């Protein structure tokens, strides 16, 4: 038994298979594209059956369609650590506090350094009109030092100095003391 490979052409949502078998069989088949991709089509010439009739019979070749297995989806990449500028995180934290956007400041690390629940922490800024970071810097380990001035609603200014530790875009600890 001989097999011959049939060429496939895919166009406009159909698969057309055209080829010639070893005994001159020509095949043209048109079928709708299914969800399973066609990997190969083989034309198999059937063996002639022994008959008493000396006249050979013409048999249609059988077409065997081999479906390819769908490719497995690519694995998701491993999560990468979030790389951020630690100073930028601290500066954004204070910008959020100055804008009275306490929810965003809380999510940048206020929950890690607040010492209370959200409502108690946010209430601690009730008399703060604005906050300015007067100087800051960072070391390679994600530690940011900062000097902070907080203008109060009564016109007075409180100053603070200390360090923040930032990891994965969030302040994870602070060591801040009031200097005036």
N, C-alpha and C. Protein backbone atom coordinates (compact mmCIF):
# COMPACT_ATOMS: atom_id res chain seq x y z
N UNK A 1 0.84 -1.16 0.00
CA UNK A 1 0.00 0.00 0.00
C UNK A 1 0.90 1.23 0.00
N UNK A 2 0.65 2.13 -0.91
CA UNK A 2 1.42 3.36 -0.98
C UNK A 2 0.58 4.52 -0.52
N UNK A 3 1.25 5.48 0.07
CA UNK A 3 0.56 6.69 0.52
C UNK A 3 1.18 7.87 -0.22
N UNK A 4 0.36 8.86 -0.51
CA UNK A 4 0.92 10.08 -1.07
C UNK A 4 0.36 11.26 -0.30
N UNK A 5 1.21 12.20 -0.06
CA UNK A 5 0.83 13.37 0.72
C UNK A 5 0.10 14.35 -0.17
N UNK A 6 -0.96 14.92 0.35
CA UNK A 6 -1.76 15.87 -0.39
C UNK A 6 -1.43 17.26 0.13
N UNK A 7 -1.30 18.21 -0.78
CA UNK A 7 -0.98 19.57 -0.41
C UNK A 7 -2.24 20.28 0.06
N UNK A 8 -2.09 21.09 1.14
CA UNK A 8 -3.22 21.84 1.67
C UNK A 8 -3.06 23.31 1.34
N UNK A 9 -4.17 23.94 1.05
CA UNK A 9 -4.17 25.40 0.87
C UNK A 9 -5.31 25.93 1.72
N UNK A 10 -5.00 26.91 2.55
CA UNK A 10 -6.03 27.48 3.42
C UNK A 10 -6.32 28.88 2.91
N UNK A 11 -7.59 29.11 2.61
CA UNK A 11 -7.97 30.44 2.13
C UNK A 11 -9.44 30.66 2.44
N UNK A 12 -9.76 31.83 2.90
CA UNK A 12 -11.13 32.28 3.13
C UNK A 12 -11.94 31.29 3.94
N UNK A 13 -11.37 30.76 5.01
CA UNK A 13 -12.12 29.92 5.92
C UNK A 13 -12.32 28.49 5.47
N UNK A 14 -11.68 28.06 4.40
CA UNK A 14 -11.83 26.67 3.97
C UNK A 14 -10.45 26.06 3.79
N UNK A 15 -10.42 24.75 3.79
CA UNK A 15 -9.20 24.02 3.52
C UNK A 15 -9.42 23.30 2.20
N UNK A 16 -8.52 23.47 1.28
CA UNK A 16 -8.61 22.78 0.01
C UNK A 16 -7.43 21.83 -0.08
N UNK A 17 -7.73 20.57 -0.30
CA UNK A 17 -6.67 19.57 -0.41
C UNK A 17 -6.64 19.10 -1.85
N UNK A 18 -5.49 19.20 -2.46
CA UNK A 18 -5.35 18.78 -3.85
C UNK A 18 -4.06 17.99 -3.97
N UNK A 19 -4.13 16.86 -4.66
CA UNK A 19 -2.93 16.08 -4.84
C UNK A 19 -3.21 14.92 -5.78
N UNK A 20 -2.19 14.20 -6.08
CA UNK A 20 -2.34 13.05 -6.97
C UNK A 20 -1.74 11.83 -6.30
N UNK A 21 -2.47 10.73 -6.36
CA UNK A 21 -1.98 9.49 -5.81
C UNK A 21 -0.99 8.84 -6.76
N UNK A 22 -0.41 7.74 -6.35
CA UNK A 22 0.61 7.08 -7.18
C UNK A 22 0.01 6.46 -8.42
N UNK A 23 -1.27 6.18 -8.39
CA UNK A 23 -1.89 5.56 -9.56
C UNK A 23 -2.65 6.62 -10.37
N UNK A 24 -2.34 7.88 -10.15
CA UNK A 24 -2.97 8.92 -10.94
C UNK A 24 -4.28 9.41 -10.36
N UNK A 25 -4.62 9.02 -9.16
CA UNK A 25 -5.84 9.53 -8.55
C UNK A 25 -5.68 11.01 -8.27
N UNK A 26 -6.65 11.77 -8.62
CA UNK A 26 -6.63 13.20 -8.30
C UNK A 26 -7.71 13.45 -7.27
N UNK A 27 -7.35 14.23 -6.27
CA UNK A 27 -8.30 14.50 -5.20
C UNK A 27 -8.41 16.01 -5.05
N UNK A 28 -9.61 16.47 -4.95
CA UNK A 28 -9.85 17.87 -4.62
C UNK A 28 -10.98 17.86 -3.61
N UNK A 29 -10.70 18.31 -2.43
CA UNK A 29 -11.72 18.33 -1.39
C UNK A 29 -11.72 19.70 -0.77
N UNK A 30 -12.90 20.21 -0.52
CA UNK A 30 -13.00 21.52 0.10
C UNK A 30 -13.87 21.34 1.33
N UNK A 31 -13.38 21.79 2.46
CA UNK A 31 -14.14 21.64 3.69
C UNK A 31 -13.92 22.88 4.55
N UNK A 32 -14.86 23.16 5.41
CA UNK A 32 -14.74 24.32 6.29
C UNK A 32 -13.65 24.06 7.32
N UNK A 33 -12.95 25.12 7.69
CA UNK A 33 -11.91 25.01 8.70
C UNK A 33 -12.58 24.79 10.05
N UNK A 34 -12.11 23.79 10.77
CA UNK A 34 -12.66 23.50 12.08
C UNK A 34 -11.72 24.04 13.14
N UNK A 35 -12.10 23.85 14.39
CA UNK A 35 -11.27 24.32 15.48
C UNK A 35 -9.97 23.54 15.59
N UNK A 36 -9.96 22.33 15.05
CA UNK A 36 -8.75 21.51 15.12
C UNK A 36 -7.96 21.70 13.84
N UNK A 37 -6.72 22.15 13.92
CA UNK A 37 -5.93 22.36 12.71
C UNK A 37 -5.57 21.04 12.05
N UNK A 38 -5.53 21.04 10.73
CA UNK A 38 -5.17 19.86 9.97
C UNK A 38 -3.65 19.84 9.83
N UNK A 39 -3.03 18.75 10.30
CA UNK A 39 -1.58 18.65 10.22
C UNK A 39 -1.15 18.05 8.88
N UNK A 40 -1.87 17.05 8.42
CA UNK A 40 -1.49 16.40 7.16
C UNK A 40 -2.69 15.64 6.63
N UNK A 41 -2.72 15.45 5.35
CA UNK A 41 -3.75 14.64 4.71
C UNK A 41 -3.01 13.58 3.90
N UNK A 42 -3.37 12.34 4.11
CA UNK A 42 -2.75 11.25 3.37
C UNK A 42 -3.81 10.60 2.50
N UNK A 43 -3.43 10.29 1.27
CA UNK A 43 -4.31 9.57 0.36
C UNK A 43 -3.80 8.14 0.29
N UNK A 44 -4.69 7.22 0.57
CA UNK A 44 -4.31 5.81 0.59
C UNK A 44 -5.03 5.11 -0.56
N UNK A 45 -4.26 4.49 -1.42
CA UNK A 45 -4.84 3.75 -2.54
C UNK A 45 -5.24 2.37 -2.01
N UNK A 46 -6.51 2.02 -2.14
CA UNK A 46 -6.92 0.70 -1.64
C UNK A 46 -6.35 -0.42 -2.50
N UNK A 47 -6.15 -1.56 -1.86
CA UNK A 47 -5.69 -2.74 -2.61
C UNK A 47 -6.86 -3.24 -3.45
N UNK A 48 -6.55 -3.62 -4.68
CA UNK A 48 -7.65 -4.18 -5.49
C UNK A 48 -8.09 -5.52 -4.91
N UNK A 49 -9.39 -5.72 -4.91
CA UNK A 49 -9.93 -6.97 -4.40
C UNK A 49 -9.93 -8.00 -5.53
N UNK A 50 -9.63 -9.21 -5.18
CA UNK A 50 -9.66 -10.28 -6.18
C UNK A 50 -11.12 -10.58 -6.50
N UNK A 51 -11.44 -10.45 -7.75
CA UNK A 51 -12.82 -10.72 -8.16
C UNK A 51 -12.80 -11.62 -9.38
N UNK A 52 -13.93 -12.19 -9.64
CA UNK A 52 -14.05 -13.03 -10.82
C UNK A 52 -14.18 -12.18 -12.07
N UNK A 53 -14.53 -10.94 -11.91
CA UNK A 53 -14.69 -10.03 -13.02
C UNK A 53 -13.30 -9.59 -13.49
N UNK A 54 -12.90 -9.89 -14.71
CA UNK A 54 -11.57 -9.52 -15.18
C UNK A 54 -11.41 -8.01 -15.35
N UNK A 55 -12.51 -7.32 -15.35
CA UNK A 55 -12.47 -5.88 -15.54
C UNK A 55 -12.06 -5.21 -14.22
N UNK A 56 -11.03 -4.40 -14.24
CA UNK A 56 -10.65 -3.75 -12.97
C UNK A 56 -11.71 -2.73 -12.55
N UNK A 57 -11.91 -2.67 -11.26
CA UNK A 57 -12.86 -1.69 -10.73
C UNK A 57 -12.07 -0.47 -10.29
N UNK A 58 -12.71 0.64 -10.46
CA UNK A 58 -12.08 1.87 -10.00
C UNK A 58 -12.57 2.16 -8.59
N UNK A 59 -11.63 2.31 -7.73
CA UNK A 59 -11.96 2.60 -6.34
C UNK A 59 -11.58 4.04 -6.03
N UNK A 60 -12.37 4.63 -5.21
CA UNK A 60 -12.02 5.96 -4.72
C UNK A 60 -10.98 5.80 -3.62
N UNK A 61 -9.97 6.58 -3.66
CA UNK A 61 -9.00 6.49 -2.58
C UNK A 61 -9.60 7.00 -1.27
N UNK A 62 -9.14 6.43 -0.18
CA UNK A 62 -9.56 6.91 1.13
C UNK A 62 -8.68 8.08 1.52
N UNK A 63 -9.29 9.06 2.15
CA UNK A 63 -8.54 10.22 2.62
C UNK A 63 -8.53 10.16 4.14
N UNK A 64 -7.36 10.22 4.70
CA UNK A 64 -7.22 10.22 6.16
C UNK A 64 -6.69 11.58 6.57
N UNK A 65 -7.44 12.28 7.42
CA UNK A 65 -7.02 13.59 7.90
C UNK A 65 -6.48 13.42 9.31
N UNK A 66 -5.27 13.86 9.49
CA UNK A 66 -4.62 13.78 10.78
C UNK A 66 -4.68 15.16 11.40
N UNK A 67 -5.32 15.27 12.56
CA UNK A 67 -5.44 16.56 13.23
C UNK A 67 -4.28 16.77 14.19
N UNK A 68 -3.74 17.95 14.12
CA UNK A 68 -2.65 18.31 15.03
C UNK A 68 -3.24 18.65 16.39
N UNK A 69 -2.50 18.33 17.42
CA UNK A 69 -2.91 18.71 18.77
C UNK A 69 -2.68 20.21 18.92
N UNK A 70 -3.63 20.91 19.55
CA UNK A 70 -3.42 22.34 19.75
C UNK A 70 -2.18 22.55 20.63
N UNK A 71 -1.45 23.57 20.29
CA UNK A 71 -0.25 23.88 21.06
C UNK A 71 -0.65 24.36 22.45
N UNK A 72 0.07 23.90 23.44
CA UNK A 72 -0.19 24.34 24.81
C UNK A 72 0.17 25.82 24.90
N UNK A 73 -0.61 26.59 25.66
CA UNK A 73 -0.27 28.01 25.79
C UNK A 73 1.08 28.16 26.47
N UNK A 74 1.76 29.21 26.10
CA UNK A 74 3.07 29.47 26.70
C UNK A 74 2.89 29.73 28.19
N UNK A 75 3.79 29.21 29.00
CA UNK A 75 3.66 29.45 30.44
C UNK A 75 3.81 30.94 30.74
N UNK A 76 3.08 31.38 31.74
CA UNK A 76 3.17 32.78 32.14
C UNK A 76 4.56 33.05 32.70
N UNK A 77 5.10 34.21 32.39
CA UNK A 77 6.43 34.51 32.92
C UNK A 77 6.38 34.63 34.44
N UNK A 78 7.48 34.26 35.05
CA UNK A 78 7.56 34.36 36.51
C UNK A 78 7.43 35.82 36.91
N UNK A 79 6.73 36.09 38.00
CA UNK A 79 6.59 37.49 38.39
C UNK A 79 7.95 38.10 38.72
N UNK A 80 8.16 39.27 38.22
CA UNK A 80 9.41 39.97 38.45
C UNK A 80 9.23 40.90 39.64
N UNK A 81 10.25 41.07 40.42
CA UNK A 81 10.12 42.03 41.51
C UNK A 81 9.90 43.42 40.92
N UNK A 82 9.04 44.18 41.56
CA UNK A 82 8.74 45.51 41.08
C UNK A 82 9.93 46.42 41.39
N UNK A 83 10.52 46.95 40.34
CA UNK A 83 11.66 47.82 40.51
C UNK A 83 11.17 49.26 40.52
N UNK A 84 11.46 49.98 41.57
CA UNK A 84 11.03 51.37 41.66
C UNK A 84 12.15 52.21 42.24
N UNK A 85 12.02 53.47 42.08
CA UNK A 85 12.93 54.42 42.69
C UNK A 85 12.39 54.69 44.08
N UNK A 86 13.13 54.31 45.10
CA UNK A 86 12.67 54.43 46.48
C UNK A 86 12.37 55.88 46.84
N UNK A 87 13.18 56.81 46.38
CA UNK A 87 12.94 58.23 46.66
C UNK A 87 11.62 58.68 46.04
N UNK A 88 11.32 58.21 44.84
CA UNK A 88 10.07 58.59 44.18
C UNK A 88 8.87 58.09 44.96
N UNK A 89 8.98 56.91 45.56
CA UNK A 89 7.87 56.38 46.37
C UNK A 89 7.63 57.28 47.57
N UNK A 90 8.69 57.67 48.26
CA UNK A 90 8.55 58.55 49.43
C UNK A 90 8.00 59.91 49.02
N UNK A 91 8.50 60.46 47.92
CA UNK A 91 8.01 61.76 47.44
C UNK A 91 6.52 61.67 47.08
N UNK A 92 6.10 60.57 46.43
CA UNK A 92 4.69 60.41 46.08
C UNK A 92 3.84 60.27 47.34
N UNK A 93 4.35 59.58 48.33
CA UNK A 93 3.66 59.42 49.61
C UNK A 93 3.34 60.80 50.20
N UNK A 94 4.33 61.67 50.23
CA UNK A 94 4.10 63.01 50.79
C UNK A 94 3.25 63.89 49.88
N UNK A 95 3.34 63.69 48.58
CA UNK A 95 2.46 64.43 47.67
C UNK A 95 1.01 64.02 47.90
N UNK A 96 0.77 62.73 48.08
CA UNK A 96 -0.59 62.26 48.37
C UNK A 96 -1.10 62.85 49.68
N UNK A 97 -0.24 62.91 50.69
CA UNK A 97 -0.66 63.50 51.96
C UNK A 97 -0.98 64.99 51.79
N UNK A 98 -0.16 65.72 51.04
CA UNK A 98 -0.41 67.15 50.79
C UNK A 98 -1.71 67.37 50.04
N UNK A 99 -2.05 66.43 49.15
CA UNK A 99 -3.29 66.51 48.38
C UNK A 99 -4.49 65.98 49.16
N UNK A 100 -4.26 65.55 50.39
CA UNK A 100 -5.29 64.94 51.23
C UNK A 100 -5.87 63.68 50.58
N UNK A 101 -5.03 63.03 49.78
CA UNK A 101 -5.40 61.75 49.15
C UNK A 101 -4.87 60.64 50.04
N UNK A 102 -5.53 60.47 51.17
CA UNK A 102 -5.05 59.57 52.20
C UNK A 102 -5.12 58.10 51.77
N UNK A 103 -6.09 57.76 50.95
CA UNK A 103 -6.20 56.36 50.50
C UNK A 103 -4.97 55.94 49.70
N UNK A 104 -4.50 56.82 48.79
CA UNK A 104 -3.31 56.47 48.01
C UNK A 104 -2.05 56.45 48.88
N UNK A 105 -1.95 57.40 49.83
CA UNK A 105 -0.81 57.40 50.74
C UNK A 105 -0.82 56.15 51.60
N UNK A 106 -2.01 55.73 52.02
CA UNK A 106 -2.15 54.51 52.82
C UNK A 106 -1.64 53.31 52.03
N UNK A 107 -2.00 53.24 50.74
CA UNK A 107 -1.58 52.09 49.92
C UNK A 107 -0.08 52.14 49.58
N UNK A 108 0.55 53.31 49.63
CA UNK A 108 1.99 53.41 49.40
C UNK A 108 2.81 53.06 50.63
N UNK A 109 2.15 52.75 51.73
CA UNK A 109 2.89 52.32 52.91
C UNK A 109 2.35 52.87 54.21
N UNK A 110 1.38 53.75 54.15
CA UNK A 110 0.80 54.27 55.38
C UNK A 110 0.30 53.16 56.29
N UNK A 111 -0.21 52.10 55.69
CA UNK A 111 -0.69 50.96 56.49
C UNK A 111 0.47 50.24 57.19
N UNK A 112 1.69 50.36 56.65
CA UNK A 112 2.85 49.72 57.27
C UNK A 112 3.47 50.58 58.38
N UNK A 113 3.28 51.89 58.30
CA UNK A 113 3.94 52.78 59.25
C UNK A 113 2.96 53.58 60.09
N UNK A 114 1.67 53.41 59.85
CA UNK A 114 0.65 54.24 60.50
C UNK A 114 0.46 53.97 61.98
N UNK A 115 0.65 52.75 62.40
CA UNK A 115 0.49 52.42 63.81
C UNK A 115 -0.95 52.30 64.27
N UNK A 116 -1.92 52.48 63.40
CA UNK A 116 -3.33 52.33 63.77
C UNK A 116 -4.11 51.93 62.53
N UNK A 117 -5.42 51.96 62.66
CA UNK A 117 -6.24 51.67 61.49
C UNK A 117 -6.26 52.90 60.57
N UNK A 118 -6.82 52.74 59.40
CA UNK A 118 -6.84 53.81 58.40
C UNK A 118 -7.47 55.09 58.94
N UNK A 119 -8.63 54.98 59.55
CA UNK A 119 -9.34 56.18 60.02
C UNK A 119 -8.52 56.93 61.07
N UNK A 120 -7.91 56.23 62.00
CA UNK A 120 -7.08 56.87 63.02
C UNK A 120 -5.84 57.51 62.40
N UNK A 121 -5.25 56.84 61.43
CA UNK A 121 -4.06 57.36 60.76
C UNK A 121 -4.41 58.63 59.98
N UNK A 122 -5.48 58.59 59.18
CA UNK A 122 -5.89 59.75 58.38
C UNK A 122 -6.26 60.92 59.30
N UNK A 123 -6.89 60.66 60.43
CA UNK A 123 -7.27 61.73 61.37
C UNK A 123 -6.04 62.45 61.92
N UNK A 124 -4.91 61.75 61.97
CA UNK A 124 -3.67 62.36 62.44
C UNK A 124 -3.17 63.48 61.54
N UNK A 125 -3.65 63.55 60.31
CA UNK A 125 -3.27 64.60 59.36
C UNK A 125 -4.34 65.68 59.25
N UNK A 126 -5.33 65.69 60.13
CA UNK A 126 -6.46 66.64 60.07
C UNK A 126 -6.00 68.09 60.14
N UNK A 127 -4.95 68.39 60.88
CA UNK A 127 -4.48 69.78 61.02
C UNK A 127 -3.31 70.10 60.11
N UNK A 128 -2.98 69.20 59.19
CA UNK A 128 -1.85 69.41 58.28
C UNK A 128 -2.37 70.04 57.00
N UNK A 129 -1.89 71.25 56.68
CA UNK A 129 -2.31 71.94 55.46
C UNK A 129 -1.51 71.45 54.25
N UNK A 130 -0.20 71.32 54.42
CA UNK A 130 0.65 70.83 53.32
C UNK A 130 1.95 70.30 53.89
N UNK A 131 2.60 69.47 53.09
CA UNK A 131 3.87 68.86 53.50
C UNK A 131 4.88 69.09 52.40
N UNK A 132 6.08 69.47 52.79
CA UNK A 132 7.17 69.67 51.85
C UNK A 132 8.35 68.84 52.31
N UNK A 133 8.94 68.12 51.38
CA UNK A 133 10.17 67.39 51.68
C UNK A 133 11.29 68.32 51.27
N UNK A 134 12.07 68.77 52.25
CA UNK A 134 13.09 69.78 51.97
C UNK A 134 14.39 69.18 51.47
N UNK A 135 14.70 67.98 51.87
CA UNK A 135 15.87 67.29 51.32
C UNK A 135 15.65 65.80 51.47
N UNK A 136 16.25 65.06 50.58
CA UNK A 136 16.09 63.61 50.62
C UNK A 136 17.21 62.96 49.84
N UNK A 137 17.37 61.69 50.03
CA UNK A 137 18.36 60.92 49.30
C UNK A 137 18.09 59.45 49.52
N UNK A 138 18.79 58.62 48.80
CA UNK A 138 18.56 57.19 48.92
C UNK A 138 19.89 56.44 48.93
N UNK A 139 19.89 55.32 49.62
CA UNK A 139 21.03 54.42 49.59
C UNK A 139 20.63 53.21 48.76
N UNK A 140 21.58 52.41 48.36
CA UNK A 140 21.33 51.27 47.47
C UNK A 140 20.37 50.23 48.01
N UNK A 141 20.15 50.20 49.30
CA UNK A 141 19.31 49.15 49.88
C UNK A 141 17.83 49.54 49.97
N UNK A 142 17.42 50.62 49.34
CA UNK A 142 16.03 51.04 49.39
C UNK A 142 15.72 51.93 50.58
N UNK A 143 16.74 52.38 51.29
CA UNK A 143 16.53 53.28 52.42
C UNK A 143 16.60 54.72 51.93
N UNK A 144 15.60 55.51 52.29
CA UNK A 144 15.52 56.91 51.90
C UNK A 144 15.57 57.75 53.15
N UNK A 145 16.46 58.74 53.19
CA UNK A 145 16.46 59.69 54.29
C UNK A 145 15.73 60.93 53.81
N UNK A 146 15.03 61.58 54.73
CA UNK A 146 14.24 62.75 54.35
C UNK A 146 14.16 63.74 55.50
N UNK A 147 14.12 65.02 55.13
CA UNK A 147 13.82 66.11 56.05
C UNK A 147 12.50 66.70 55.58
N UNK A 148 11.54 66.79 56.48
CA UNK A 148 10.16 67.11 56.12
C UNK A 148 9.68 68.33 56.90
N UNK A 149 8.93 69.22 56.21
CA UNK A 149 8.28 70.35 56.86
C UNK A 149 6.79 70.20 56.63
N UNK A 150 6.03 70.26 57.72
CA UNK A 150 4.57 70.13 57.63
C UNK A 150 3.93 71.43 58.11
N UNK A 151 3.32 72.16 57.19
CA UNK A 151 2.61 73.38 57.52
C UNK A 151 1.25 73.00 58.10
N UNK A 152 0.95 73.52 59.26
CA UNK A 152 -0.31 73.21 59.94
C UNK A 152 -1.37 74.24 59.59
N UNK A 153 -2.63 73.90 59.79
CA UNK A 153 -3.74 74.80 59.47
C UNK A 153 -3.72 76.07 60.33
N UNK A 154 -3.04 76.05 61.48
CA UNK A 154 -2.95 77.24 62.33
C UNK A 154 -1.77 78.13 61.96
N UNK A 155 -1.03 77.78 60.89
CA UNK A 155 0.09 78.59 60.42
C UNK A 155 1.44 78.16 60.96
N UNK A 156 1.50 77.27 61.90
CA UNK A 156 2.77 76.81 62.44
C UNK A 156 3.36 75.74 61.52
N UNK A 157 4.65 75.50 61.69
CA UNK A 157 5.34 74.47 60.90
C UNK A 157 5.99 73.48 61.85
N UNK A 158 5.81 72.22 61.55
CA UNK A 158 6.48 71.14 62.29
C UNK A 158 7.50 70.52 61.34
N UNK A 159 8.67 70.20 61.85
CA UNK A 159 9.70 69.58 61.02
C UNK A 159 10.02 68.18 61.56
N UNK A 160 10.38 67.31 60.62
CA UNK A 160 10.67 65.91 60.94
C UNK A 160 11.90 65.49 60.15
N UNK A 161 12.58 64.48 60.65
CA UNK A 161 13.74 63.94 59.96
C UNK A 161 13.82 62.44 60.25
N UNK A 162 14.29 61.70 59.28
CA UNK A 162 14.45 60.26 59.50
C UNK A 162 14.60 59.49 58.22
N UNK A 163 14.36 58.18 58.32
CA UNK A 163 14.54 57.29 57.16
C UNK A 163 13.29 56.45 56.91
N UNK A 164 13.14 56.07 55.67
CA UNK A 164 12.10 55.15 55.21
C UNK A 164 12.79 54.00 54.50
N UNK A 165 12.21 52.82 54.61
CA UNK A 165 12.70 51.67 53.85
C UNK A 165 11.61 51.31 52.85
N UNK A 166 11.98 51.24 51.57
CA UNK A 166 11.05 50.97 50.48
C UNK A 166 11.42 49.63 49.84
N UNK A 167 10.43 48.79 49.63
CA UNK A 167 10.62 47.52 48.92
C UNK A 167 9.43 47.28 48.01
N UNK A 168 9.69 46.91 46.78
CA UNK A 168 8.64 46.61 45.80
C UNK A 168 7.63 47.73 45.67
N UNK A 169 8.09 48.97 45.70
CA UNK A 169 7.23 50.11 45.46
C UNK A 169 6.38 50.54 46.64
N UNK A 170 6.68 50.04 47.84
CA UNK A 170 5.89 50.35 49.02
C UNK A 170 6.83 50.65 50.19
N UNK A 171 6.45 51.65 50.99
CA UNK A 171 7.21 51.93 52.20
C UNK A 171 6.88 50.81 53.19
N UNK A 172 7.92 50.12 53.65
CA UNK A 172 7.67 48.99 54.56
C UNK A 172 8.01 49.32 56.01
N UNK A 173 8.84 50.36 56.21
CA UNK A 173 9.13 50.78 57.58
C UNK A 173 9.63 52.22 57.57
N UNK A 174 9.57 52.86 58.74
CA UNK A 174 10.02 54.24 58.86
C UNK A 174 10.60 54.46 60.25
N UNK A 175 11.56 55.35 60.31
CA UNK A 175 12.13 55.78 61.58
C UNK A 175 12.22 57.31 61.52
N UNK A 176 11.11 57.99 61.84
CA UNK A 176 10.98 59.42 61.70
C UNK A 176 10.81 60.05 63.09
N UNK A 177 11.52 61.14 63.34
CA UNK A 177 11.37 61.86 64.62
C UNK A 177 11.08 63.33 64.34
N UNK A 178 10.27 63.92 65.21
CA UNK A 178 9.97 65.34 65.08
C UNK A 178 11.17 66.12 65.59
N UNK A 179 11.63 67.11 64.79
CA UNK A 179 12.79 67.91 65.17
C UNK A 179 12.38 69.29 65.68
N UNK A 180 11.19 69.76 65.42
CA UNK A 180 10.68 71.02 65.99
C UNK A 180 9.17 71.04 65.96
